[in-house]
N, C-alpha and C. Protein backbone atom coordinates (compact mmCIF):
# COMPACT_ATOMS: atom_id res chain seq x y z
N UNK A 1 -22.57 26.13 32.28
CA UNK A 1 -21.68 24.99 32.23
C UNK A 1 -21.95 24.14 30.97
N UNK A 2 -23.23 23.83 30.72
CA UNK A 2 -23.58 23.02 29.55
C UNK A 2 -23.24 23.76 28.27
N UNK A 3 -23.44 25.09 28.29
CA UNK A 3 -23.13 25.88 27.10
C UNK A 3 -21.63 25.85 26.81
N UNK A 4 -20.82 25.93 27.85
CA UNK A 4 -19.37 25.89 27.68
C UNK A 4 -18.92 24.54 27.13
N UNK A 5 -19.49 23.45 27.62
CA UNK A 5 -19.15 22.11 27.12
C UNK A 5 -19.55 21.98 25.66
N UNK A 6 -20.74 22.48 25.32
CA UNK A 6 -21.21 22.42 23.93
C UNK A 6 -20.29 23.23 23.02
N UNK A 7 -19.87 24.40 23.48
CA UNK A 7 -18.97 25.23 22.68
C UNK A 7 -17.62 24.53 22.50
N UNK A 8 -17.13 23.89 23.55
CA UNK A 8 -15.85 23.18 23.47
C UNK A 8 -15.93 22.02 22.49
N UNK A 9 -17.05 21.29 22.54
CA UNK A 9 -17.22 20.17 21.62
C UNK A 9 -17.30 20.66 20.18
N UNK A 10 -18.02 21.74 19.97
CA UNK A 10 -18.10 22.30 18.61
C UNK A 10 -16.72 22.73 18.12
N UNK A 11 -15.95 23.38 18.99
CA UNK A 11 -14.61 23.81 18.61
C UNK A 11 -13.73 22.61 18.27
N UNK A 12 -13.83 21.55 19.05
CA UNK A 12 -13.05 20.35 18.78
C UNK A 12 -13.46 19.71 17.46
N UNK A 13 -14.76 19.67 17.18
CA UNK A 13 -15.22 19.11 15.91
C UNK A 13 -14.72 19.93 14.73
N UNK A 14 -14.79 21.25 14.85
CA UNK A 14 -14.29 22.10 13.77
C UNK A 14 -12.80 21.87 13.55
N UNK A 15 -12.05 21.79 14.64
CA UNK A 15 -10.61 21.54 14.54
C UNK A 15 -10.33 20.18 13.91
N UNK A 16 -11.07 19.16 14.33
CA UNK A 16 -10.90 17.81 13.78
C UNK A 16 -11.13 17.80 12.27
N UNK A 17 -12.26 18.40 11.83
CA UNK A 17 -12.56 18.39 10.40
C UNK A 17 -11.58 19.24 9.61
N UNK A 18 -11.09 20.32 10.21
CA UNK A 18 -10.10 21.15 9.52
C UNK A 18 -8.79 20.37 9.33
N UNK A 19 -8.39 19.62 10.35
CA UNK A 19 -7.15 18.85 10.25
C UNK A 19 -7.27 17.70 9.27
N UNK A 20 -8.40 17.00 9.28
CA UNK A 20 -8.55 15.87 8.37
C UNK A 20 -8.73 16.33 6.93
N UNK A 21 -9.35 17.49 6.72
CA UNK A 21 -9.53 18.00 5.36
C UNK A 21 -8.21 18.47 4.77
N UNK A 22 -7.31 18.96 5.64
CA UNK A 22 -6.03 19.46 5.12
C UNK A 22 -4.97 18.38 5.00
N UNK A 23 -5.24 17.18 5.54
CA UNK A 23 -4.27 16.09 5.44
C UNK A 23 -4.14 15.66 3.99
N UNK A 24 -2.92 15.58 3.52
CA UNK A 24 -2.70 15.20 2.13
C UNK A 24 -2.50 13.70 2.03
N UNK A 25 -3.07 13.13 1.00
CA UNK A 25 -2.90 11.72 0.71
C UNK A 25 -1.56 11.53 0.01
N UNK A 26 -0.84 10.42 0.29
CA UNK A 26 0.41 10.18 -0.43
C UNK A 26 0.12 9.97 -1.92
N UNK A 27 1.06 10.35 -2.78
CA UNK A 27 0.83 10.18 -4.22
C UNK A 27 0.71 8.70 -4.58
N UNK A 28 -0.18 8.42 -5.51
CA UNK A 28 -0.38 7.05 -5.98
C UNK A 28 0.72 6.70 -6.97
N UNK A 29 1.23 5.48 -6.86
CA UNK A 29 2.23 5.02 -7.82
C UNK A 29 1.51 4.53 -9.07
N UNK A 30 2.12 4.77 -10.21
CA UNK A 30 1.55 4.31 -11.46
C UNK A 30 1.63 2.79 -11.53
N UNK A 31 0.58 2.18 -11.99
CA UNK A 31 0.53 0.73 -12.13
C UNK A 31 0.93 0.37 -13.55
N UNK A 32 1.90 -0.51 -13.67
CA UNK A 32 2.35 -0.94 -14.99
C UNK A 32 1.24 -1.76 -15.65
N UNK A 33 0.96 -1.45 -16.89
CA UNK A 33 -0.06 -2.20 -17.62
C UNK A 33 0.63 -3.26 -18.47
N UNK A 34 0.10 -4.46 -18.38
CA UNK A 34 0.66 -5.56 -19.16
C UNK A 34 -0.45 -6.25 -19.94
N UNK A 35 -0.05 -7.06 -20.83
CA UNK A 35 -1.00 -7.84 -21.60
C UNK A 35 -0.77 -9.32 -21.35
N UNK A 36 -0.39 -9.66 -20.13
CA UNK A 36 -0.13 -11.05 -19.78
C UNK A 36 -1.44 -11.83 -19.71
N UNK A 37 -1.36 -13.06 -20.11
CA UNK A 37 -2.51 -13.96 -20.03
C UNK A 37 -2.08 -15.19 -19.23
N UNK A 38 -3.04 -15.94 -18.78
CA UNK A 38 -2.75 -17.17 -18.05
C UNK A 38 -1.88 -18.06 -18.92
N UNK A 39 -0.78 -18.55 -18.35
CA UNK A 39 0.12 -19.43 -19.08
C UNK A 39 1.31 -18.70 -19.70
N UNK A 40 1.25 -17.35 -19.78
CA UNK A 40 2.38 -16.59 -20.32
C UNK A 40 3.56 -16.67 -19.35
N UNK A 41 4.77 -16.56 -19.89
CA UNK A 41 5.96 -16.50 -19.05
C UNK A 41 6.00 -15.14 -18.38
N UNK A 42 6.23 -15.16 -17.07
CA UNK A 42 6.27 -13.90 -16.32
C UNK A 42 7.51 -13.11 -16.70
N UNK A 43 7.39 -11.79 -16.78
CA UNK A 43 8.57 -10.96 -17.04
C UNK A 43 9.50 -10.99 -15.83
N UNK A 44 10.78 -10.78 -16.07
CA UNK A 44 11.74 -10.79 -14.98
C UNK A 44 11.51 -9.58 -14.08
N UNK A 45 11.63 -9.78 -12.78
CA UNK A 45 11.52 -8.69 -11.81
C UNK A 45 12.38 -9.02 -10.61
N UNK A 46 12.65 -8.02 -9.81
CA UNK A 46 13.47 -8.16 -8.60
C UNK A 46 12.67 -7.68 -7.41
N UNK A 47 12.67 -8.46 -6.32
CA UNK A 47 11.98 -8.10 -5.09
C UNK A 47 12.89 -8.38 -3.90
N UNK A 48 12.80 -7.55 -2.86
CA UNK A 48 13.59 -7.82 -1.65
C UNK A 48 12.87 -8.79 -0.73
N UNK A 49 13.64 -9.61 0.01
CA UNK A 49 13.02 -10.47 1.02
C UNK A 49 12.99 -9.71 2.34
N UNK A 50 12.55 -10.38 3.39
CA UNK A 50 12.39 -9.72 4.68
C UNK A 50 13.72 -9.29 5.31
N UNK A 51 14.83 -9.83 4.81
CA UNK A 51 16.15 -9.43 5.32
C UNK A 51 16.79 -8.35 4.45
N UNK A 52 16.12 -7.97 3.36
CA UNK A 52 16.64 -6.93 2.49
C UNK A 52 17.43 -7.45 1.29
N UNK A 53 17.62 -8.77 1.21
CA UNK A 53 18.34 -9.34 0.07
C UNK A 53 17.43 -9.33 -1.16
N UNK A 54 17.98 -8.92 -2.30
CA UNK A 54 17.19 -8.88 -3.53
C UNK A 54 17.24 -10.22 -4.25
N UNK A 55 16.11 -10.61 -4.76
CA UNK A 55 15.98 -11.86 -5.53
C UNK A 55 15.35 -11.53 -6.87
N UNK A 56 15.91 -12.13 -7.94
CA UNK A 56 15.36 -11.96 -9.27
C UNK A 56 14.62 -13.24 -9.66
N UNK A 57 13.51 -13.06 -10.36
CA UNK A 57 12.76 -14.22 -10.82
C UNK A 57 13.62 -15.09 -11.72
N UNK A 58 14.45 -14.48 -12.54
CA UNK A 58 15.28 -15.25 -13.47
C UNK A 58 16.29 -16.14 -12.75
N UNK A 59 16.59 -15.84 -11.47
CA UNK A 59 17.50 -16.70 -10.70
C UNK A 59 16.91 -18.10 -10.49
N UNK A 60 15.60 -18.21 -10.54
CA UNK A 60 14.93 -19.49 -10.27
C UNK A 60 14.45 -20.19 -11.55
N UNK A 61 14.51 -19.51 -12.67
CA UNK A 61 13.98 -20.07 -13.91
C UNK A 61 14.67 -21.39 -14.25
N UNK A 62 13.88 -22.43 -14.42
CA UNK A 62 14.39 -23.74 -14.75
C UNK A 62 14.90 -24.54 -13.56
N UNK A 63 14.91 -23.95 -12.37
CA UNK A 63 15.43 -24.63 -11.18
C UNK A 63 14.34 -24.99 -10.19
N UNK A 64 13.42 -24.08 -9.95
CA UNK A 64 12.39 -24.28 -8.95
C UNK A 64 11.07 -23.71 -9.44
N UNK A 65 9.99 -24.18 -8.83
CA UNK A 65 8.70 -23.56 -9.08
C UNK A 65 8.58 -22.35 -8.16
N UNK A 66 8.03 -21.27 -8.68
CA UNK A 66 7.89 -20.04 -7.89
C UNK A 66 6.41 -19.71 -7.78
N UNK A 67 5.97 -19.44 -6.56
CA UNK A 67 4.60 -19.00 -6.32
C UNK A 67 4.70 -17.61 -5.70
N UNK A 68 4.09 -16.63 -6.35
CA UNK A 68 4.11 -15.27 -5.86
C UNK A 68 2.74 -14.98 -5.28
N UNK A 69 2.70 -14.62 -4.01
CA UNK A 69 1.44 -14.36 -3.32
C UNK A 69 1.40 -12.92 -2.87
N UNK A 70 0.28 -12.26 -3.10
CA UNK A 70 0.08 -10.89 -2.64
C UNK A 70 -0.91 -10.90 -1.49
N UNK A 71 -0.53 -10.28 -0.40
CA UNK A 71 -1.42 -10.13 0.75
C UNK A 71 -1.90 -8.68 0.76
N UNK A 72 -3.11 -8.48 0.32
CA UNK A 72 -3.67 -7.13 0.19
C UNK A 72 -3.73 -6.49 1.57
N UNK A 73 -3.17 -5.31 1.66
CA UNK A 73 -3.16 -4.47 2.87
C UNK A 73 -2.42 -5.10 4.04
N UNK A 74 -1.59 -6.09 3.81
CA UNK A 74 -0.81 -6.67 4.90
C UNK A 74 0.28 -5.70 5.33
N UNK A 75 0.41 -5.47 6.60
CA UNK A 75 1.42 -4.57 7.18
C UNK A 75 1.30 -3.15 6.65
N UNK A 76 0.09 -2.71 6.35
CA UNK A 76 -0.13 -1.34 5.90
C UNK A 76 -1.23 -0.73 6.75
N UNK A 77 -1.27 0.59 6.81
CA UNK A 77 -2.31 1.22 7.62
C UNK A 77 -3.69 1.13 6.99
N UNK A 78 -3.79 0.77 5.70
CA UNK A 78 -5.11 0.74 5.03
C UNK A 78 -5.82 -0.51 5.31
């Protein structure tokens, strides 16, 4: 009985490691390199809001102050 349990555990471990080793990582996106410094004007970009509407930074230029915040790993599996 103990031998059968040990064999089953070994088989499960082998299967687990085989599956995790064969899992492919999603491709990494290239990160744009910039030479921006503190105080430089930000380049124009477009981002969607939580409702899917796109907003451009240039839409706010001269009208409002914009604060862009990044939440590292928010709503991601990592």
